[in-house]
C-alpha atoms as a PDB file:
ATOM      1  CA  MET A   1     -29.539 -12.304 -18.593  1.00  0.00           C
ATOM      2  CA  ARG A   2     -27.790  -9.370 -16.952  1.00  0.00           C
ATOM      3  CA  LEU A   3     -24.032  -8.868 -17.039  1.00  0.00           C
ATOM      4  CA  GLY A   4     -21.832  -8.202 -14.040  1.00  0.00           C
ATOM      5  CA  LEU A   5     -18.106  -7.570 -13.678  1.00  0.00           C
ATOM      6  CA  ALA A   6     -16.298  -9.799 -11.167  1.00  0.00           C
ATOM      7  CA  LEU A   7     -13.027  -8.226 -10.045  1.00  0.00           C
ATOM      8  CA  GLY A   8     -12.093 -10.888  -7.486  1.00  0.00           C
ATOM      9  CA  TYR A   9      -9.591 -10.175  -4.728  1.00  0.00           C
ATOM     10  CA  TRP A  10      -6.202  -8.501  -4.902  1.00  0.00           C
ATOM     11  CA  GLY A  11      -2.985 -10.395  -5.373  1.00  0.00           C
ATOM     12  CA  ARG A  12       0.224  -8.840  -4.088  1.00  0.00           C
ATOM     13  CA  GLY A  13      -1.399  -5.424  -4.082  1.00  0.00           C
ATOM     14  CA  PRO A  14      -4.270  -3.402  -5.508  1.00  0.00           C
ATOM     15  CA  ASP A  15      -4.814  -3.791  -9.232  1.00  0.00           C
ATOM     16  CA  PRO A  16      -4.733  -0.309 -10.796  1.00  0.00           C
ATOM     17  CA  ARG A  17      -7.056  -1.504 -13.570  1.00  0.00           C
ATOM     18  CA  HIS A  18      -9.978  -2.381 -11.308  1.00  0.00           C
ATOM     19  CA  LEU A  19     -11.469   1.086 -10.961  1.00  0.00           C
ATOM     20  CA  GLU A  20     -11.106   1.741 -14.690  1.00  0.00           C
ATOM     21  CA  LEU A  21     -12.820  -1.563 -15.498  1.00  0.00           C
ATOM     22  CA  ALA A  22     -15.636  -0.871 -13.036  1.00  0.00           C
ATOM     23  CA  ARG A  23     -16.311   2.559 -14.512  1.00  0.00           C
ATOM     24  CA  GLU A  24     -16.185   1.163 -18.047  1.00  0.00           C
ATOM     25  CA  ALA A  25     -18.626  -1.594 -17.061  1.00  0.00           C
ATOM     26  CA  GLU A  26     -21.020   1.032 -15.729  1.00  0.00           C
ATOM     27  CA  ARG A  27     -20.693   3.054 -18.948  1.00  0.00           C
ATOM     28  CA  LEU A  28     -21.438  -0.072 -21.018  1.00  0.00           C
ATOM     29  CA  GLY A  29     -24.606  -0.810 -19.058  1.00  0.00           C
ATOM     30  CA  TYR A  30     -23.382  -3.677 -16.868  1.00  0.00           C
ATOM     31  CA  ASP A  31     -25.771  -4.297 -14.008  1.00  0.00           C
ATOM     32  CA  SER A  32     -23.247  -5.000 -11.237  1.00  0.00           C
ATOM     33  CA  VAL A  33     -19.617  -5.112 -10.155  1.00  0.00           C
ATOM     34  CA  TRP A  34     -18.271  -7.584  -7.579  1.00  0.00           C
ATOM     35  CA  THR A  35     -15.297  -7.805  -5.232  1.00  0.00           C
ATOM     36  CA  ALA A  36     -14.026 -10.784  -3.232  1.00  0.00           C
ATOM     37  CA  GLU A  37     -11.755 -11.744  -0.359  1.00  0.00           C
ATOM     38  CA  ALA A  38      -9.556 -14.720   0.520  1.00  0.00           C
ATOM     39  CA  TRP A  39      -6.681 -14.056   2.926  1.00  0.00           C
ATOM     40  CA  GLY A  40      -5.474 -10.646   1.811  1.00  0.00           C
ATOM     41  CA  SER A  41      -7.643  -7.747   0.695  1.00  0.00           C
ATOM     42  CA  ASP A  42     -11.162  -7.510   2.084  1.00  0.00           C
ATOM     43  CA  ALA A  43     -14.309  -7.246  -0.031  1.00  0.00           C
ATOM     44  CA  PHE A  44     -16.049  -4.237   1.521  1.00  0.00           C
ATOM     45  CA  THR A  45     -13.286  -1.609   1.443  1.00  0.00           C
ATOM     46  CA  ALA A  46     -12.520  -2.064  -2.261  1.00  0.00           C
ATOM     47  CA  LEU A  47     -16.245  -2.019  -3.028  1.00  0.00           C
ATOM     48  CA  THR A  48     -16.689   1.235  -1.104  1.00  0.00           C
ATOM     49  CA  TRP A  49     -13.920   2.822  -3.164  1.00  0.00           C
ATOM     50  CA  ILE A  50     -15.692   1.747  -6.357  1.00  0.00           C
ATOM     51  CA  ALA A  51     -19.007   3.033  -4.992  1.00  0.00           C
ATOM     52  CA  ALA A  52     -17.491   6.470  -4.528  1.00  0.00           C
ATOM     53  CA  HIS A  53     -16.427   6.594  -8.189  1.00  0.00           C
ATOM     54  CA  THR A  54     -19.637   5.262  -9.766  1.00  0.00           C
ATOM     55  CA  SER A  55     -23.279   6.249  -9.615  1.00  0.00           C
ATOM     56  CA  ARG A  56     -25.560   3.532 -10.996  1.00  0.00           C
ATOM     57  CA  ILE A  57     -23.940   0.112 -11.113  1.00  0.00           C
ATOM     58  CA  LYS A  58     -24.901  -2.320  -8.342  1.00  0.00           C
ATOM     59  CA  LEU A  59     -22.189  -3.331  -5.879  1.00  0.00           C
ATOM     60  CA  GLY A  60     -21.745  -6.979  -4.919  1.00  0.00           C
ATOM     61  CA  THR A  61     -19.534  -8.854  -2.499  1.00  0.00           C
ATOM     62  CA  GLY A  62     -18.683 -12.044  -4.306  1.00  0.00           C
ATOM     63  CA  ILE A  63     -17.979 -13.293  -1.755  1.00  0.00           C
ATOM     64  CA  ALA A  64     -17.510 -11.944   1.759  1.00  0.00           C
ATOM     65  CA  GLN A  65     -16.458 -14.740   4.082  1.00  0.00           C
ATOM     66  CA  MET A  66     -18.687 -15.446   7.065  1.00  0.00           C
ATOM     67  CA  ALA A  67     -15.783 -16.452   9.284  1.00  0.00           C
ATOM     68  CA  ALA A  68     -14.218 -13.012   8.820  1.00  0.00           C
ATOM     69  CA  ARG A  69     -16.946 -11.227  10.780  1.00  0.00           C
ATOM     70  CA  THR A  70     -19.746 -11.879  13.199  1.00  0.00           C
ATOM     71  CA  PRO A  71     -23.107 -11.710  11.436  1.00  0.00           C
ATOM     72  CA  THR A  72     -23.932  -8.388  13.100  1.00  0.00           C
ATOM     73  CA  ALA A  73     -20.610  -6.928  11.915  1.00  0.00           C
ATOM     74  CA  THR A  74     -21.421  -8.063   8.381  1.00  0.00           C
ATOM     75  CA  ALA A  75     -24.873  -6.512   8.672  1.00  0.00           C
ATOM     76  CA  MET A  76     -23.265  -3.235   9.812  1.00  0.00           C
ATOM     77  CA  HIS A  77     -20.971  -3.251   6.767  1.00  0.00           C
ATOM     78  CA  ALA A  78     -23.959  -3.958   4.535  1.00  0.00           C
ATOM     79  CA  LEU A  79     -26.311  -1.285   5.873  1.00  0.00           C
ATOM     80  CA  THR A  80     -23.497   1.301   5.920  1.00  0.00           C
ATOM     81  CA  LEU A  81     -22.416   0.718   2.323  1.00  0.00           C
ATOM     82  CA  ASP A  82     -26.026   0.474   1.179  1.00  0.00           C
ATOM     83  CA  HIS A  83     -26.683   3.942   2.601  1.00  0.00           C
ATOM     84  CA  LEU A  84     -23.502   5.449   1.162  1.00  0.00           C
ATOM     85  CA  SER A  85     -24.184   4.026  -2.302  1.00  0.00           C
ATOM     86  CA  GLY A  86     -27.854   4.941  -2.450  1.00  0.00           C
ATOM     87  CA  GLY A  87     -29.165   1.375  -2.177  1.00  0.00           C
ATOM     88  CA  ARG A  88     -26.853  -0.410  -4.592  1.00  0.00           C
ATOM     89  CA  LEU A  89     -25.451  -3.242  -2.448  1.00  0.00           C
ATOM     90  CA  LEU A  90     -25.836  -6.945  -3.203  1.00  0.00           C
ATOM     91  CA  LEU A  91     -24.586  -8.901  -0.196  1.00  0.00           C
ATOM     92  CA  GLY A  92     -22.875 -12.112  -1.268  1.00  0.00           C
ATOM     93  CA  LEU A  93     -21.676 -14.419   1.506  1.00  0.00           C
ATOM     94  CA  GLY A  94     -19.832 -17.717   1.707  1.00  0.00           C
ATOM     95  CA  LEU A  95     -18.759 -20.096   4.455  1.00  0.00           C
ATOM     96  CA  SER A  96     -15.340 -20.906   2.897  1.00  0.00           C
ATOM     97  CA  GLY A  97     -13.654 -24.148   3.997  1.00  0.00           C
ATOM     98  CA  PRO A  98     -11.881 -25.600   7.038  1.00  0.00           C
ATOM     99  CA  GLN A  99      -8.401 -24.691   5.800  1.00  0.00           C
ATOM    100  CA  VAL A 100      -9.238 -20.987   5.531  1.00  0.00           C
ATOM    101  CA  VAL A 101     -11.582 -20.748   8.507  1.00  0.00           C
ATOM    102  CA  GLU A 102      -9.202 -22.474  10.905  1.00  0.00           C
ATOM    103  CA  GLY A 103      -5.896 -21.559   9.264  1.00  0.00           C
ATOM    104  CA  TRP A 104      -6.540 -17.885   8.568  1.00  0.00           C
ATOM    105  CA  TYR A 105      -9.387 -16.807  10.828  1.00  0.00           C
ATOM    106  CA  GLY A 106      -8.314 -18.974  13.759  1.00  0.00           C
ATOM    107  CA  ARG A 107     -11.713 -20.353  14.605  1.00  0.00           C
ATOM    108  CA  PRO A 108     -13.296 -23.793  14.305  1.00  0.00           C
ATOM    109  CA  PHE A 109     -15.056 -24.753  11.108  1.00  0.00           C
ATOM    110  CA  PRO A 110     -18.675 -25.475  12.069  1.00  0.00           C
ATOM    111  CA  LYS A 111     -19.561 -29.146  12.418  1.00  0.00           C
ATOM    112  CA  SER A 112     -22.942 -28.351  10.900  1.00  0.00           C
ATOM    113  CA  PRO A 113     -22.250 -25.871   8.068  1.00  0.00           C
ATOM    114  CA  LEU A 114     -25.887 -25.650   7.009  1.00  0.00           C
ATOM    115  CA  THR A 115     -27.034 -24.719  10.509  1.00  0.00           C
ATOM    116  CA  ALA A 116     -24.243 -22.166  10.895  1.00  0.00           C
ATOM    117  CA  THR A 117     -25.153 -20.576   7.559  1.00  0.00           C
ATOM    118  CA  ARG A 118     -28.855 -20.495   8.382  1.00  0.00           C
ATOM    119  CA  GLU A 119     -28.235 -18.784  11.740  1.00  0.00           C
ATOM    120  CA  TYR A 120     -25.833 -16.275  10.185  1.00  0.00           C
ATOM    121  CA  VAL A 121     -28.420 -15.285   7.594  1.00  0.00           C
ATOM    122  CA  GLU A 122     -31.170 -15.068  10.222  1.00  0.00           C
ATOM    123  CA  VAL A 123     -29.135 -12.601  12.300  1.00  0.00           C
ATOM    124  CA  ILE A 124     -28.499 -10.395   9.263  1.00  0.00           C
ATOM    125  CA  ARG A 125     -32.166 -10.495   8.275  1.00  0.00           C
ATOM    126  CA  GLN A 126     -33.198  -9.367  11.755  1.00  0.00           C
ATOM    127  CA  VAL A 127     -30.709  -6.499  11.720  1.00  0.00           C
ATOM    128  CA  LEU A 128     -31.878  -5.261   8.322  1.00  0.00           C
ATOM    129  CA  CYS A 129     -35.569  -5.609   9.166  1.00  0.00           C
ATOM    130  CA  ARG A 130     -35.082  -3.731  12.448  1.00  0.00           C
ATOM    131  CA  GLN A 131     -38.420  -4.854  13.813  1.00  0.00           C
ATOM    132  CA  GLY A 132     -36.984  -5.437  17.245  1.00  0.00           C
ATOM    133  CA  PRO A 133     -33.833  -6.442  19.122  1.00  0.00           C
ATOM    134  CA  VAL A 134     -31.860  -9.253  17.503  1.00  0.00           C
ATOM    135  CA  GLU A 135     -32.664 -12.539  19.231  1.00  0.00           C
ATOM    136  CA  VAL A 136     -31.560 -15.907  17.877  1.00  0.00           C
ATOM    137  CA  ASP A 137     -31.481 -19.064  19.955  1.00  0.00           C
ATOM    138  CA  GLY A 138     -28.656 -20.499  17.873  1.00  0.00           C
ATOM    139  CA  LEU A 139     -25.984 -23.131  18.211  1.00  0.00           C
ATOM    140  CA  PHE A 140     -23.291 -21.103  16.398  1.00  0.00           C
ATOM    141  CA  HIS A 141     -24.562 -17.503  16.473  1.00  0.00           C
ATOM    142  CA  PRO A 142     -26.713 -17.038  19.592  1.00  0.00           C
ATOM    143  CA  HIS A 143     -27.900 -13.492  20.252  1.00  0.00           C
ATOM    144  CA  PRO A 144     -27.465 -12.503  22.959  1.00  0.00           C
ATOM    145  CA  TYR A 145     -24.613 -14.805  23.945  1.00  0.00           C
ATOM    146  CA  ARG A 146     -25.486 -16.995  26.915  1.00  0.00           C
ATOM    147  CA  GLY A 147     -22.575 -19.417  26.972  1.00  0.00           C
ATOM    148  CA  ALA A 148     -21.069 -20.714  30.197  1.00  0.00           C
ATOM    149  CA  ASP A 149     -17.962 -18.573  29.645  1.00  0.00           C
ATOM    150  CA  GLY A 150     -19.960 -15.355  29.317  1.00  0.00           C
ATOM    151  CA  THR A 151     -20.976 -12.806  31.935  1.00  0.00           C
ATOM    152  CA  GLY A 152     -24.697 -13.316  31.461  1.00  0.00           C
ATOM    153  CA  LEU A 153     -25.094  -9.569  30.982  1.00  0.00           C
ATOM    154  CA  GLY A 154     -25.720  -9.617  27.233  1.00  0.00           C
ATOM    155  CA  LYS A 155     -28.697  -7.547  26.166  1.00  0.00           C
ATOM    156  CA  PRO A 156     -30.707  -7.935  22.946  1.00  0.00           C
ATOM    157  CA  LEU A 157     -30.088  -4.889  20.748  1.00  0.00           C
ATOM    158  CA  LYS A 158     -31.365  -3.503  17.476  1.00  0.00           C
ATOM    159  CA  PRO A 159     -29.299  -1.314  15.155  1.00  0.00           C
ATOM    160  CA  ILE A 160     -29.075   2.382  15.992  1.00  0.00           C
ATOM    161  CA  THR A 161     -28.918   3.170  12.286  1.00  0.00           C
ATOM    162  CA  HIS A 162     -32.085   2.532  10.329  1.00  0.00           C
ATOM    163  CA  PRO A 163     -31.168   0.300   7.359  1.00  0.00           C
ATOM    164  CA  LEU A 164     -31.983   1.808   3.994  1.00  0.00           C
ATOM    165  CA  ARG A 165     -33.527  -1.444   2.717  1.00  0.00           C
ATOM    166  CA  ALA A 166     -34.982  -4.258   4.791  1.00  0.00           C
ATOM    167  CA  ASP A 167     -35.030  -6.370   1.644  1.00  0.00           C
ATOM    168  CA  LEU A 168     -31.384  -5.830   0.687  1.00  0.00           C
ATOM    169  CA  PRO A 169     -30.588  -8.804  -1.614  1.00  0.00           C
ATOM    170  CA  LEU A 170     -28.574 -11.543   0.059  1.00  0.00           C
ATOM    171  CA  LEU A 171     -26.861 -14.218  -2.033  1.00  0.00           C
ATOM    172  CA  LEU A 172     -24.902 -17.250  -0.903  1.00  0.00           C
ATOM    173  CA  GLY A 173     -21.927 -19.013  -2.409  1.00  0.00           C
ATOM    174  CA  ALA A 174     -22.790 -22.695  -1.992  1.00  0.00           C
ATOM    175  CA  GLU A 175     -21.311 -25.831  -3.570  1.00  0.00           C
ATOM    176  CA  GLY A 176     -22.822 -28.936  -1.990  1.00  0.00           C
ATOM    177  CA  PRO A 177     -26.296 -30.113  -3.087  1.00  0.00           C
ATOM    178  CA  LYS A 178     -27.870 -29.672   0.370  1.00  0.00           C
ATOM    179  CA  ASN A 179     -26.274 -26.260   0.779  1.00  0.00           C
ATOM    180  CA  ILE A 180     -27.599 -25.106  -2.595  1.00  0.00           C
ATOM    181  CA  ALA A 181     -31.083 -26.394  -1.755  1.00  0.00           C
ATOM    182  CA  GLN A 182     -31.014 -24.502   1.552  1.00  0.00           C
ATOM    183  CA  THR A 183     -29.865 -21.385  -0.307  1.00  0.00           C
ATOM    184  CA  THR A 184     -33.075 -21.421  -2.352  1.00  0.00           C
ATOM    185  CA  ARG A 185     -35.031 -21.323   0.932  1.00  0.00           C
ATOM    186  CA  ILE A 186     -33.147 -18.696   2.939  1.00  0.00           C
ATOM    187  CA  ALA A 187     -31.448 -16.392   0.400  1.00  0.00           C
ATOM    188  CA  ASP A 188     -32.383 -14.224  -2.560  1.00  0.00           C
ATOM    189  CA  GLY A 189     -29.837 -15.758  -4.872  1.00  0.00           C
ATOM    190  CA  TRP A 190     -26.974 -18.154  -5.422  1.00  0.00           C
ATOM    191  CA  LEU A 191     -23.367 -17.525  -6.503  1.00  0.00           C
ATOM    192  CA  PRO A 192     -22.089 -20.732  -8.149  1.00  0.00           C
ATOM    193  CA  LEU A 193     -18.332 -21.139  -8.274  1.00  0.00           C
ATOM    194  CA  TYR A 194     -18.341 -23.223 -11.461  1.00  0.00           C
ATOM    195  CA  TRP A 195     -21.221 -23.244 -13.910  1.00  0.00           C
ATOM    196  CA  SER A 196     -21.307 -25.191 -17.146  1.00  0.00           C
ATOM    197  CA  PRO A 197     -24.258 -24.432 -19.437  1.00  0.00           C
ATOM    198  CA  LEU A 198     -23.752 -27.949 -20.781  1.00  0.00           C
ATOM    199  CA  ARG A 199     -24.262 -29.587 -17.371  1.00  0.00           C
ATOM    200  CA  THR A 200     -27.138 -27.730 -15.737  1.00  0.00           C
ATOM    201  CA  GLY A 201     -28.586 -31.082 -14.669  1.00  0.00           C
ATOM    202  CA  VAL A 202     -25.908 -31.245 -11.967  1.00  0.00           C
ATOM    203  CA  TYR A 203     -27.878 -28.612 -10.050  1.00  0.00           C
ATOM    204  CA  GLN A 204     -31.416 -29.430 -11.168  1.00  0.00           C
ATOM    205  CA  ALA A 205     -32.519 -31.240  -8.011  1.00  0.00           C
ATOM    206  CA  SER A 206     -30.990 -28.651  -5.689  1.00  0.00           C
ATOM    207  CA  LEU A 207     -32.702 -25.793  -7.528  1.00  0.00           C
ATOM    208  CA  ALA A 208     -36.067 -27.530  -7.934  1.00  0.00           C
ATOM    209  CA  ASN A 209     -37.825 -25.384  -5.322  1.00  0.00           C
ATOM    210  CA  ALA A 210     -36.184 -22.047  -6.106  1.00  0.00           C
ATOM    211  CA  PRO A 211     -38.801 -19.271  -5.854  1.00  0.00           C
ATOM    212  CA  ASP A 212     -39.676 -16.826  -8.606  1.00  0.00           C
ATOM    213  CA  GLY A 213     -37.108 -14.070  -8.865  1.00  0.00           C
ATOM    214  CA  PHE A 214     -34.331 -16.189  -7.376  1.00  0.00           C
ATOM    215  CA  LEU A 215     -30.959 -14.990  -8.698  1.00  0.00           C
ATOM    216  CA  ILE A 216     -28.435 -17.415 -10.188  1.00  0.00           C
ATOM    217  CA  ALA A 217     -25.187 -15.547 -10.745  1.00  0.00           C
ATOM    218  CA  PRO A 218     -22.184 -17.670 -11.732  1.00  0.00           C
ATOM    219  CA  MET A 219     -18.741 -16.259 -12.410  1.00  0.00           C
ATOM    220  CA  ALA A 220     -16.910 -16.950 -15.654  1.00  0.00           C
ATOM    221  CA  ARG A 221     -13.578 -15.878 -17.080  1.00  0.00           C
ATOM    222  CA  ALA A 222     -14.089 -14.034 -20.369  1.00  0.00           C
ATOM    223  CA  VAL A 223     -11.493 -12.875 -22.874  1.00  0.00           C
ATOM    224  CA  VAL A 224     -11.657 -12.064 -26.568  1.00  0.00           C
ATOM    225  CA  CYS A 225      -8.580 -13.606 -28.175  1.00  0.00           C
ATOM    226  CA  ASP A 226      -7.464 -15.558 -31.240  1.00  0.00           C
ATOM    227  CA  ASP A 227      -5.740 -18.440 -29.430  1.00  0.00           C
ATOM    228  CA  VAL A 228      -8.278 -20.393 -27.355  1.00  0.00           C
ATOM    229  CA  ALA A 229      -5.660 -22.583 -25.664  1.00  0.00           C
ATOM    230  CA  GLU A 230      -3.683 -19.543 -24.560  1.00  0.00           C
ATOM    231  CA  GLY A 231      -6.832 -17.802 -23.391  1.00  0.00           C
ATOM    232  CA  LEU A 232      -7.724 -20.796 -21.229  1.00  0.00           C
ATOM    233  CA  LEU A 233      -4.430 -20.783 -19.323  1.00  0.00           C
ATOM    234  CA  PRO A 234      -5.630 -18.274 -16.652  1.00  0.00           C
ATOM    235  CA  VAL A 235      -8.772 -20.383 -16.215  1.00  0.00           C
ATOM    236  CA  LYS A 236      -6.668 -23.495 -15.715  1.00  0.00           C
ATOM    237  CA  ALA A 237      -4.396 -21.654 -13.297  1.00  0.00           C
ATOM    238  CA  MET A 238      -7.421 -20.582 -11.246  1.00  0.00           C
ATOM    239  CA  LEU A 239      -8.819 -24.114 -11.250  1.00  0.00           C
ATOM    240  CA  GLY A 240      -5.473 -25.609 -10.291  1.00  0.00           C
ATOM    241  CA  PHE A 241      -5.232 -23.239  -7.325  1.00  0.00           C
ATOM    242  CA  TYR A 242      -8.804 -23.762  -6.127  1.00  0.00           C
ATOM    243  CA  ILE A 243      -8.856 -27.520  -6.642  1.00  0.00           C
ATOM    244  CA  GLY A 244      -5.356 -28.125  -5.354  1.00  0.00           C
ATOM    245  CA  GLY A 245      -4.479 -25.243  -3.061  1.00  0.00           C
ATOM    246  CA  MET A 246      -7.743 -24.280  -1.342  1.00  0.00           C
ATOM    247  CA  GLY A 247      -8.383 -27.504   0.465  1.00  0.00           C
ATOM    248  CA  HIS A 248      -7.016 -30.519   2.293  1.00  0.00           C
ATOM    249  CA  ALA A 249      -6.526 -33.877   0.626  1.00  0.00           C
ATOM    250  CA  ALA A 250      -9.368 -35.291   2.738  1.00  0.00           C
ATOM    251  CA  LYS A 251     -11.774 -32.332   2.425  1.00  0.00           C
ATOM    252  CA  ASN A 252     -11.809 -30.063  -0.591  1.00  0.00           C
ATOM    253  CA  PHE A 253     -15.201 -28.686  -1.644  1.00  0.00           C
ATOM    254  CA  HIS A 254     -13.860 -27.368  -4.951  1.00  0.00           C
ATOM    255  CA  ALA A 255     -12.407 -30.715  -5.992  1.00  0.00           C
ATOM    256  CA  ASP A 256     -15.626 -32.460  -4.960  1.00  0.00           C
ATOM    257  CA  LEU A 257     -17.642 -30.075  -7.129  1.00  0.00           C
ATOM    258  CA  MET A 258     -15.463 -30.713 -10.175  1.00  0.00           C
ATOM    259  CA  ALA A 259     -15.919 -34.439  -9.569  1.00  0.00           C
ATOM    260  CA  ARG A 260     -19.717 -34.069  -9.465  1.00  0.00           C
ATOM    261  CA  MET A 261     -19.517 -32.258 -12.781  1.00  0.00           C
ATOM    262  CA  GLY A 262     -18.045 -35.329 -14.471  1.00  0.00           C
ATOM    263  CA  PHE A 263     -14.315 -34.829 -13.994  1.00  0.00           C
ATOM    264  CA  GLU A 264     -13.588 -36.855 -10.860  1.00  0.00           C
ATOM    265  CA  GLU A 265     -10.407 -38.585 -12.004  1.00  0.00           C
ATOM    266  CA  GLU A 266      -8.980 -35.346 -13.355  1.00  0.00           C
ATOM    267  CA  ALA A 267      -9.895 -33.442 -10.177  1.00  0.00           C
ATOM    268  CA  ARG A 268      -8.085 -35.926  -7.948  1.00  0.00           C
ATOM    269  CA  ARG A 269      -5.054 -35.832 -10.234  1.00  0.00           C
ATOM    270  CA  VAL A 270      -4.887 -32.028 -10.104  1.00  0.00           C
ATOM    271  CA  GLN A 271      -5.290 -32.112  -6.339  1.00  0.00           C
ATOM    272  CA  GLN A 272      -2.541 -34.699  -5.921  1.00  0.00           C
ATOM    273  CA  LEU A 273      -0.064 -32.809  -8.089  1.00  0.00           C
ATOM    274  CA  PHE A 274      -0.708 -29.517  -6.313  1.00  0.00           C
ATOM    275  CA  LEU A 275      -0.364 -31.011  -2.851  1.00  0.00           C
ATOM    276  CA  GLU A 276       2.935 -32.585  -3.928  1.00  0.00           C
ATOM    277  CA  GLY A 277       4.230 -29.137  -4.810  1.00  0.00           C
ATOM    278  CA  ARG A 278       4.062 -29.758  -8.557  1.00  0.00           C
ATOM    279  CA  LYS A 279       1.951 -26.699  -9.221  1.00  0.00           C
ATOM    280  CA  GLU A 280       2.789 -26.182 -12.893  1.00  0.00           C
ATOM    281  CA  GLU A 281       1.948 -29.793 -13.626  1.00  0.00           C
ATOM    282  CA  ALA A 282      -1.297 -29.419 -11.693  1.00  0.00           C
ATOM    283  CA  VAL A 283      -2.356 -26.481 -13.874  1.00  0.00           C
ATOM    284  CA  LEU A 284      -1.515 -28.355 -17.067  1.00  0.00           C
ATOM    285  CA  ALA A 285      -3.480 -31.371 -15.807  1.00  0.00           C
ATOM    286  CA  VAL A 286      -6.705 -29.341 -15.678  1.00  0.00           C
ATOM    287  CA  PRO A 287      -8.707 -30.557 -18.690  1.00  0.00           C
ATOM    288  CA  ASP A 288      -9.140 -27.955 -21.416  1.00  0.00           C
ATOM    289  CA  ALA A 289     -12.702 -29.208 -21.872  1.00  0.00           C
ATOM    290  CA  PHE A 290     -13.677 -28.356 -18.303  1.00  0.00           C
ATOM    291  CA  ALA A 291     -11.941 -24.961 -18.343  1.00  0.00           C
ATOM    292  CA  ASP A 292     -13.660 -24.157 -21.643  1.00  0.00           C
ATOM    293  CA  GLU A 293     -17.134 -25.120 -20.436  1.00  0.00           C
ATOM    294  CA  ILE A 294     -17.079 -22.720 -17.501  1.00  0.00           C
ATOM    295  CA  SER A 295     -15.629 -19.731 -19.383  1.00  0.00           C
ATOM    296  CA  LEU A 296     -16.073 -17.592 -22.496  1.00  0.00           C
ATOM    297  CA  VAL A 297     -12.775 -17.569 -24.380  1.00  0.00           C
ATOM    298  CA  GLY A 298     -11.849 -17.103 -28.020  1.00  0.00           C
ATOM    299  CA  PRO A 299     -12.713 -14.937 -31.032  1.00  0.00           C
ATOM    300  CA  ARG A 300     -15.860 -12.825 -30.989  1.00  0.00           C
ATOM    301  CA  GLU A 301     -17.813 -15.301 -33.155  1.00  0.00           C
ATOM    302  CA  ARG A 302     -16.989 -18.209 -30.858  1.00  0.00           C
ATOM    303  CA  ILE A 303     -17.964 -16.254 -27.751  1.00  0.00           C
ATOM    304  CA  ALA A 304     -21.234 -15.238 -29.421  1.00  0.00           C
ATOM    305  CA  GLU A 305     -22.150 -18.878 -30.025  1.00  0.00           C
ATOM    306  CA  ARG A 306     -21.253 -19.979 -26.529  1.00  0.00           C
ATOM    307  CA  LEU A 307     -22.962 -17.014 -24.880  1.00  0.00           C
ATOM    308  CA  GLU A 308     -26.256 -18.252 -26.301  1.00  0.00           C
ATOM    309  CA  LEU A 309     -25.876 -21.415 -24.210  1.00  0.00           C
ATOM    310  CA  TRP A 310     -25.664 -19.298 -21.065  1.00  0.00           C
ATOM    311  CA  ARG A 311     -28.637 -17.148 -22.106  1.00  0.00           C
ATOM    312  CA  THR A 312     -30.964 -20.111 -22.706  1.00  0.00           C
ATOM    313  CA  GLY A 313     -30.457 -21.621 -19.225  1.00  0.00           C
ATOM    314  CA  PRO A 314     -31.562 -20.500 -15.748  1.00  0.00           C
ATOM    315  CA  VAL A 315     -28.717 -18.028 -15.226  1.00  0.00           C
ATOM    316  CA  THR A 316     -30.050 -14.565 -14.368  1.00  0.00           C
ATOM    317  CA  ASP A 317     -26.712 -12.760 -14.005  1.00  0.00           C
ATOM    318  CA  LEU A 318     -23.415 -13.668 -15.670  1.00  0.00           C
ATOM    319  CA  LEU A 319     -20.517 -12.257 -13.653  1.00  0.00           C
ATOM    320  CA  VAL A 320     -17.523 -12.062 -15.950  1.00  0.00           C
ATOM    321  CA  THR A 321     -13.900 -11.825 -14.958  1.00  0.00           C
ATOM    322  CA  ALA A 322     -12.632  -9.829 -17.919  1.00  0.00           C
ATOM    323  CA  PRO A 323      -9.075  -8.480 -18.119  1.00  0.00           C
ATOM    324  CA  ASP A 324      -9.640  -5.634 -20.583  1.00  0.00           C
ATOM    325  CA  PRO A 325     -12.209  -3.048 -21.722  1.00  0.00           C
ATOM    326  CA  ARG A 326     -12.436  -4.615 -25.187  1.00  0.00           C
ATOM    327  CA  THR A 327     -13.779  -7.870 -23.785  1.00  0.00           C
ATOM    328  CA  LEU A 328     -16.297  -5.983 -21.644  1.00  0.00           C
ATOM    329  CA  ARG A 329     -17.479  -4.086 -24.699  1.00  0.00           C
ATOM    330  CA  VAL A 330     -17.822  -7.185 -26.892  1.00  0.00           C
ATOM    331  CA  LEU A 331     -19.877  -8.993 -24.244  1.00  0.00           C
ATOM    332  CA  ALA A 332     -22.132  -5.961 -23.782  1.00  0.00           C
ATOM    333  CA  GLU A 333     -22.737  -5.816 -27.529  1.00  0.00           C
ATOM    334  CA  LEU A 334     -23.444  -9.543 -27.803  1.00  0.00           C
ATOM    335  CA  ASN A 335     -25.796  -9.529 -24.834  1.00  0.00           C
ATOM    336  CA  ALA A 336     -27.740  -6.462 -25.937  1.00  0.00           C
END
């Protein structure tokens, strides 16, 4: 099991620790470093900055949102950064949800998310392969565009720049069972939002046909500390925000996932409290048991025991959100 460093997205501004952590992760032998985006900082610019200050570590977008860019624009970002970094990019993509797609990006959430994802990936694959002009007879991402409101002058094109790698790894952030199953067919890997090494059966059917070499790269908060309950508070805060704040009462993929993992009543309670504006109560209502299962928190000995659970399952890459160099070092030593 390889280790990666997940830096996430910025809050109010850039985190001055991120570059230091990325360089320390590279020094410790971590395989990859990942950036993200929500509705603030973007994933590619921060990753390019890290690329310029590192030399070996792989560079992942975890995740870049599909609604933020047309698939050809995403492919341009990918082939550009892959060239500049000497072939280190791992392209992680996600569809996001209706609240973000329509509220932030100002476009309709696709009525058929699986079809939209499949077309998006197909366009990127064609760009990176560069075997001919990009042509997709799609419902959501047709190339060239032939809609009634167009000019009819669209011409199939292929990239001017020759991509460095036609087989640049593409991973998808997927939560629903059908979406995960499709990911095993069209992508090189999967970026789970929550992963519990105690509940791998939740995903067993969806992953049944995953090919050899398929990457499974979940993210997990990790911190070496004496007080487990205190160490879990950032995990609970993250869960409260995702389950309560990143979705509508009638459609919230994150809450649905927590429910499928055995915490349905608790998920709905967290969601209700958050939507009522009772955010602190929502965070406290996140079960410690769930937060603990999906993270690595506590003294070194405890983390060592729990890390073995992750190593014995199907996870190929553990992407840790670690707040300090000490935690990165301890994990590197335990995973050696």
